[in-house]
Amino acid sequence: MGEDFERLPAAVRRFHRLAGTRQLQGWVETDAPVSILAKLVALCLGSPLEARSGPMRFELDAQPASETWTRHFPAQRMTSRLALEGRQVVERLGPARMTFELRESGGRLEMRLRRFHFLGVPCPAWLMPRVVAEETGGDERLHFKVQAALPLVGVVAAYRGHLEIPDEARP
């Protein structure tokens, strides 16, 4: 992200500089998928199936070539693997592969979906999921908001909350 990274809030920068294996604590609110078909897709991806709020544990395994994120929601666990490819981040979540462009916008880190593959098959533009994925910072916390919806299916996953960023993560 170059200079854009330095414009992000301190908590966001500290989170993305973490290395090795870490466990972070936080709070999350999840929404249930909006339809039966959305629930089936959520089941395939491992995303939350119920509306809940409560404590969250986040396991980070940040290695030089990739990161594994395991989110322990109140009633579900979801794991994805992220890797940098050029200036984009590729996230693998179950049978889905998503390619995101990262950008800073008004003090937020935004992940904009550019390509989507499901079971290795590229998604046509008319079926491309609408994804909101952003991080902000404040009060020593990383705040996140994620929502993914499919045309004709509706919201498949939605959650928001925060993670406490440990003091030792300060530069």
C-alpha atoms as a PDB file:
ATOM      1  CA  MET A   1       0.000   0.000   0.000  1.00  0.00           C
ATOM      2  CA  GLY A   2       3.006   2.256   0.258  1.00  0.00           C
ATOM      3  CA  GLU A   3       2.291   5.731   1.604  1.00  0.00           C
ATOM      4  CA  ASP A   4      -1.431   4.938   1.923  1.00  0.00           C
ATOM      5  CA  PHE A   5      -0.588   2.488   4.727  1.00  0.00           C
ATOM      6  CA  GLU A   6       0.930   5.273   6.827  1.00  0.00           C
ATOM      7  CA  ARG A   7      -2.337   7.252   6.639  1.00  0.00           C
ATOM      8  CA  LEU A   8      -4.267   4.456   8.355  1.00  0.00           C
ATOM      9  CA  PRO A   9      -5.067   4.693  12.090  1.00  0.00           C
ATOM     10  CA  ALA A  10      -2.327   3.416  14.419  1.00  0.00           C
ATOM     11  CA  ALA A  11      -4.323   0.361  15.575  1.00  0.00           C
ATOM     12  CA  VAL A  12      -4.826  -0.788  11.955  1.00  0.00           C
ATOM     13  CA  ARG A  13      -1.123  -0.357  11.180  1.00  0.00           C
ATOM     14  CA  ARG A  14      -0.106  -2.223  14.367  1.00  0.00           C
ATOM     15  CA  PHE A  15      -2.439  -5.122  13.563  1.00  0.00           C
ATOM     16  CA  HIS A  16      -1.029  -5.535  10.060  1.00  0.00           C
ATOM     17  CA  ARG A  17       2.548  -5.428  11.341  1.00  0.00           C
ATOM     18  CA  LEU A  18       2.010  -8.366  13.718  1.00  0.00           C
ATOM     19  CA  ALA A  19       4.180 -11.391  12.931  1.00  0.00           C
ATOM     20  CA  GLY A  20       4.188 -14.981  14.092  1.00  0.00           C
ATOM     21  CA  THR A  21       1.372 -16.622  15.988  1.00  0.00           C
ATOM     22  CA  ARG A  22      -0.883 -14.361  18.048  1.00  0.00           C
ATOM     23  CA  GLN A  23      -4.221 -14.597  19.804  1.00  0.00           C
ATOM     24  CA  LEU A  24      -6.307 -11.457  20.055  1.00  0.00           C
ATOM     25  CA  GLN A  25      -9.519 -10.868  21.981  1.00  0.00           C
ATOM     26  CA  GLY A  26     -12.462  -8.741  21.028  1.00  0.00           C
ATOM     27  CA  TRP A  27     -16.201  -8.439  20.591  1.00  0.00           C
ATOM     28  CA  VAL A  28     -18.349  -9.288  17.592  1.00  0.00           C
ATOM     29  CA  GLU A  29     -21.930  -9.080  16.376  1.00  0.00           C
ATOM     30  CA  THR A  30     -22.981 -11.482  13.622  1.00  0.00           C
ATOM     31  CA  ASP A  31     -26.078 -11.513  11.447  1.00  0.00           C
ATOM     32  CA  ALA A  32     -27.779 -14.635  10.153  1.00  0.00           C
ATOM     33  CA  PRO A  33     -27.849 -15.288   6.397  1.00  0.00           C
ATOM     34  CA  VAL A  34     -31.050 -13.857   4.920  1.00  0.00           C
ATOM     35  CA  SER A  35     -32.348 -16.904   3.020  1.00  0.00           C
ATOM     36  CA  ILE A  36     -32.065 -20.670   2.912  1.00  0.00           C
ATOM     37  CA  LEU A  37     -29.792 -20.464  -0.128  1.00  0.00           C
ATOM     38  CA  ALA A  38     -27.649 -17.831   1.626  1.00  0.00           C
ATOM     39  CA  LYS A  39     -27.404 -20.157   4.633  1.00  0.00           C
ATOM     40  CA  LEU A  40     -26.180 -22.996   2.383  1.00  0.00           C
ATOM     41  CA  VAL A  41     -23.477 -20.746   0.922  1.00  0.00           C
ATOM     42  CA  ALA A  42     -22.518 -19.598   4.433  1.00  0.00           C
ATOM     43  CA  LEU A  43     -22.248 -23.238   5.500  1.00  0.00           C
ATOM     44  CA  CYS A  44     -19.816 -23.895   2.599  1.00  0.00           C
ATOM     45  CA  LEU A  45     -17.700 -20.893   3.584  1.00  0.00           C
ATOM     46  CA  GLY A  46     -17.799 -21.457   7.321  1.00  0.00           C
ATOM     47  CA  SER A  47     -19.242 -18.004   7.974  1.00  0.00           C
ATOM     48  CA  PRO A  48     -21.669 -17.355  10.868  1.00  0.00           C
ATOM     49  CA  LEU A  49     -25.068 -19.031  10.551  1.00  0.00           C
ATOM     50  CA  GLU A  50     -26.838 -17.245  13.437  1.00  0.00           C
ATOM     51  CA  ALA A  51     -27.299 -13.709  14.681  1.00  0.00           C
ATOM     52  CA  ARG A  52     -25.262 -13.463  17.874  1.00  0.00           C
ATOM     53  CA  SER A  53     -23.115 -11.064  19.806  1.00  0.00           C
ATOM     54  CA  GLY A  54     -20.392 -11.813  22.275  1.00  0.00           C
ATOM     55  CA  PRO A  55     -16.689 -12.229  22.882  1.00  0.00           C
ATOM     56  CA  MET A  56     -14.501 -13.159  19.944  1.00  0.00           C
ATOM     57  CA  ARG A  57     -11.098 -14.809  19.809  1.00  0.00           C
ATOM     58  CA  PHE A  58      -8.936 -14.196  16.756  1.00  0.00           C
ATOM     59  CA  GLU A  59      -5.949 -16.416  15.976  1.00  0.00           C
ATOM     60  CA  LEU A  60      -3.363 -14.959  13.643  1.00  0.00           C
ATOM     61  CA  ASP A  61      -0.542 -16.956  12.091  1.00  0.00           C
ATOM     62  CA  ALA A  62       1.423 -14.317  10.161  1.00  0.00           C
ATOM     63  CA  GLN A  63       4.289 -15.791   8.164  1.00  0.00           C
ATOM     64  CA  PRO A  64       6.383 -13.970   5.541  1.00  0.00           C
ATOM     65  CA  ALA A  65       4.450 -15.406   2.557  1.00  0.00           C
ATOM     66  CA  SER A  66       0.919 -15.703   3.961  1.00  0.00           C
ATOM     67  CA  GLU A  67      -1.351 -15.267   6.953  1.00  0.00           C
ATOM     68  CA  THR A  68      -3.967 -17.588   8.403  1.00  0.00           C
ATOM     69  CA  TRP A  69      -6.862 -15.914  10.194  1.00  0.00           C
ATOM     70  CA  THR A  70      -9.084 -18.023  12.441  1.00  0.00           C
ATOM     71  CA  ARG A  71     -12.071 -16.145  13.798  1.00  0.00           C
ATOM     72  CA  HIS A  72     -13.787 -17.764  16.776  1.00  0.00           C
ATOM     73  CA  PHE A  73     -17.271 -16.241  16.726  1.00  0.00           C
ATOM     74  CA  PRO A  74     -19.713 -16.929  19.609  1.00  0.00           C
ATOM     75  CA  ALA A  75     -21.212 -19.959  17.817  1.00  0.00           C
ATOM     76  CA  GLN A  76     -18.863 -20.673  14.917  1.00  0.00           C
ATOM     77  CA  ARG A  77     -15.257 -20.806  13.766  1.00  0.00           C
ATOM     78  CA  MET A  78     -14.146 -19.473  10.367  1.00  0.00           C
ATOM     79  CA  THR A  79     -10.634 -19.823   8.933  1.00  0.00           C
ATOM     80  CA  SER A  80      -9.159 -18.176   5.864  1.00  0.00           C
ATOM     81  CA  ARG A  81      -5.710 -17.874   4.364  1.00  0.00           C
ATOM     82  CA  LEU A  82      -4.457 -14.599   2.901  1.00  0.00           C
ATOM     83  CA  ALA A  83      -1.470 -13.966   0.633  1.00  0.00           C
ATOM     84  CA  LEU A  84      -0.151 -10.897  -1.101  1.00  0.00           C
ATOM     85  CA  GLU A  85       0.008 -11.184  -4.892  1.00  0.00           C
ATOM     86  CA  GLY A  86       1.473  -8.020  -6.315  1.00  0.00           C
ATOM     87  CA  ARG A  87      -0.566  -5.154  -4.877  1.00  0.00           C
ATOM     88  CA  GLN A  88      -3.594  -7.348  -4.204  1.00  0.00           C
ATOM     89  CA  VAL A  89      -4.562  -9.729  -1.409  1.00  0.00           C
ATOM     90  CA  VAL A  90      -5.927 -13.165  -2.247  1.00  0.00           C
ATOM     91  CA  GLU A  91      -8.099 -14.731   0.434  1.00  0.00           C
ATOM     92  CA  ARG A  92      -9.028 -18.405   0.385  1.00  0.00           C
ATOM     93  CA  LEU A  93     -12.134 -19.227   2.379  1.00  0.00           C
ATOM     94  CA  GLY A  94     -13.424 -22.759   1.970  1.00  0.00           C
ATOM     95  CA  PRO A  95     -14.097 -23.321  -1.750  1.00  0.00           C
ATOM     96  CA  ALA A  96     -13.912 -19.567  -2.487  1.00  0.00           C
ATOM     97  CA  ARG A  97     -10.936 -17.561  -3.683  1.00  0.00           C
ATOM     98  CA  MET A  98     -11.326 -13.792  -3.530  1.00  0.00           C
ATOM     99  CA  THR A  99      -8.907 -11.206  -4.882  1.00  0.00           C
ATOM    100  CA  PHE A 100      -9.035  -7.806  -3.188  1.00  0.00           C
ATOM    101  CA  GLU A 101      -7.534  -4.434  -3.907  1.00  0.00           C
ATOM    102  CA  LEU A 102      -6.496  -2.613  -0.730  1.00  0.00           C
ATOM    103  CA  ARG A 103      -6.938   1.124  -0.355  1.00  0.00           C
ATOM    104  CA  GLU A 104      -7.067   3.796   2.272  1.00  0.00           C
ATOM    105  CA  SER A 105     -10.192   5.929   2.223  1.00  0.00           C
ATOM    106  CA  GLY A 106     -10.979   8.515   4.886  1.00  0.00           C
ATOM    107  CA  GLY A 107      -8.950   6.742   7.570  1.00  0.00           C
ATOM    108  CA  ARG A 108     -10.343   3.299   6.698  1.00  0.00           C
ATOM    109  CA  LEU A 109      -8.638   0.303   5.138  1.00  0.00           C
ATOM    110  CA  GLU A 110     -11.008  -0.918   2.433  1.00  0.00           C
ATOM    111  CA  MET A 111     -10.780  -4.289   0.723  1.00  0.00           C
ATOM    112  CA  ARG A 112     -12.447  -4.047  -2.677  1.00  0.00           C
ATOM    113  CA  LEU A 113     -13.349  -7.334  -4.340  1.00  0.00           C
ATOM    114  CA  ARG A 114     -11.900  -7.547  -7.854  1.00  0.00           C
ATOM    115  CA  ARG A 115     -12.165 -11.262  -8.688  1.00  0.00           C
ATOM    116  CA  PHE A 116     -14.053 -14.202  -7.216  1.00  0.00           C
ATOM    117  CA  HIS A 117     -13.643 -17.922  -7.898  1.00  0.00           C
ATOM    118  CA  PHE A 118     -15.832 -20.658  -6.428  1.00  0.00           C
ATOM    119  CA  LEU A 119     -14.598 -24.253  -6.693  1.00  0.00           C
ATOM    120  CA  GLY A 120     -11.963 -22.892  -9.085  1.00  0.00           C
ATOM    121  CA  VAL A 121     -14.540 -21.429 -11.481  1.00  0.00           C
ATOM    122  CA  PRO A 122     -14.355 -17.671 -12.132  1.00  0.00           C
ATOM    123  CA  CYS A 123     -17.509 -15.795 -11.242  1.00  0.00           C
ATOM    124  CA  PRO A 124     -19.180 -13.860 -14.070  1.00  0.00           C
ATOM    125  CA  ALA A 125     -19.625 -10.134 -13.461  1.00  0.00           C
ATOM    126  CA  TRP A 126     -23.413 -10.403 -13.084  1.00  0.00           C
ATOM    127  CA  LEU A 127     -22.993 -12.902 -10.208  1.00  0.00           C
ATOM    128  CA  MET A 128     -20.114 -11.086  -8.482  1.00  0.00           C
ATOM    129  CA  PRO A 129     -20.693 -10.809  -4.734  1.00  0.00           C
ATOM    130  CA  ARG A 130     -21.086  -7.351  -3.206  1.00  0.00           C
ATOM    131  CA  VAL A 131     -18.555  -7.155  -0.400  1.00  0.00           C
ATOM    132  CA  VAL A 132     -17.986  -4.516   2.237  1.00  0.00           C
ATOM    133  CA  ALA A 133     -14.771  -5.216   4.131  1.00  0.00           C
ATOM    134  CA  GLU A 134     -13.213  -2.393   6.083  1.00  0.00           C
ATOM    135  CA  GLU A 135     -11.073  -1.723   9.102  1.00  0.00           C
ATOM    136  CA  THR A 136     -10.751   1.416  11.185  1.00  0.00           C
ATOM    137  CA  GLY A 137      -8.941   2.177  14.398  1.00  0.00           C
ATOM    138  CA  GLY A 138      -9.415   4.031  17.613  1.00  0.00           C
ATOM    139  CA  ASP A 139      -9.236   3.593  21.371  1.00  0.00           C
ATOM    140  CA  GLU A 140      -6.413   1.010  20.927  1.00  0.00           C
ATOM    141  CA  ARG A 141      -8.775  -1.250  18.983  1.00  0.00           C
ATOM    142  CA  LEU A 142      -9.036  -2.463  15.432  1.00  0.00           C
ATOM    143  CA  HIS A 143     -12.680  -2.060  14.369  1.00  0.00           C
ATOM    144  CA  PHE A 144     -13.940  -4.208  11.497  1.00  0.00           C
ATOM    145  CA  LYS A 145     -17.057  -4.464   9.385  1.00  0.00           C
ATOM    146  CA  VAL A 146     -17.697  -7.243   6.860  1.00  0.00           C
ATOM    147  CA  GLN A 147     -20.759  -7.946   4.741  1.00  0.00           C
ATOM    148  CA  ALA A 148     -21.031 -10.207   1.695  1.00  0.00           C
ATOM    149  CA  ALA A 149     -24.139 -10.561  -0.460  1.00  0.00           C
ATOM    150  CA  LEU A 150     -24.865 -12.476  -3.647  1.00  0.00           C
ATOM    151  CA  PRO A 151     -27.254 -11.299  -6.357  1.00  0.00           C
ATOM    152  CA  LEU A 152     -30.601 -13.142  -6.125  1.00  0.00           C
ATOM    153  CA  VAL A 153     -29.465 -14.776  -2.845  1.00  0.00           C
ATOM    154  CA  GLY A 154     -28.963 -11.851  -0.461  1.00  0.00           C
ATOM    155  CA  VAL A 155     -26.649 -11.383   2.484  1.00  0.00           C
ATOM    156  CA  VAL A 156     -24.590 -14.511   3.114  1.00  0.00           C
ATOM    157  CA  ALA A 157     -22.308 -13.162   5.844  1.00  0.00           C
ATOM    158  CA  ALA A 158     -22.263 -10.047   7.991  1.00  0.00           C
ATOM    159  CA  TYR A 159     -20.312  -9.273  11.117  1.00  0.00           C
ATOM    160  CA  ARG A 160     -18.786  -6.280  12.841  1.00  0.00           C
ATOM    161  CA  GLY A 161     -16.860  -5.624  16.011  1.00  0.00           C
ATOM    162  CA  HIS A 162     -13.383  -4.956  17.319  1.00  0.00           C
ATOM    163  CA  LEU A 163     -10.138  -6.587  18.376  1.00  0.00           C
ATOM    164  CA  GLU A 164      -7.902  -5.418  21.208  1.00  0.00           C
ATOM    165  CA  ILE A 165      -4.423  -4.763  19.833  1.00  0.00           C
ATOM    166  CA  PRO A 166      -1.731  -5.667  22.374  1.00  0.00           C
ATOM    167  CA  ASP A 167       0.679  -2.997  23.595  1.00  0.00           C
ATOM    168  CA  GLU A 168       3.692  -5.003  22.412  1.00  0.00           C
ATOM    169  CA  ALA A 169       2.382  -4.502  18.864  1.00  0.00           C
ATOM    170  CA  ARG A 170       3.358  -0.819  19.070  1.00  0.00           C
ATOM    171  CA  PRO A 171       6.119   0.167  16.644  1.00  0.00           C
END
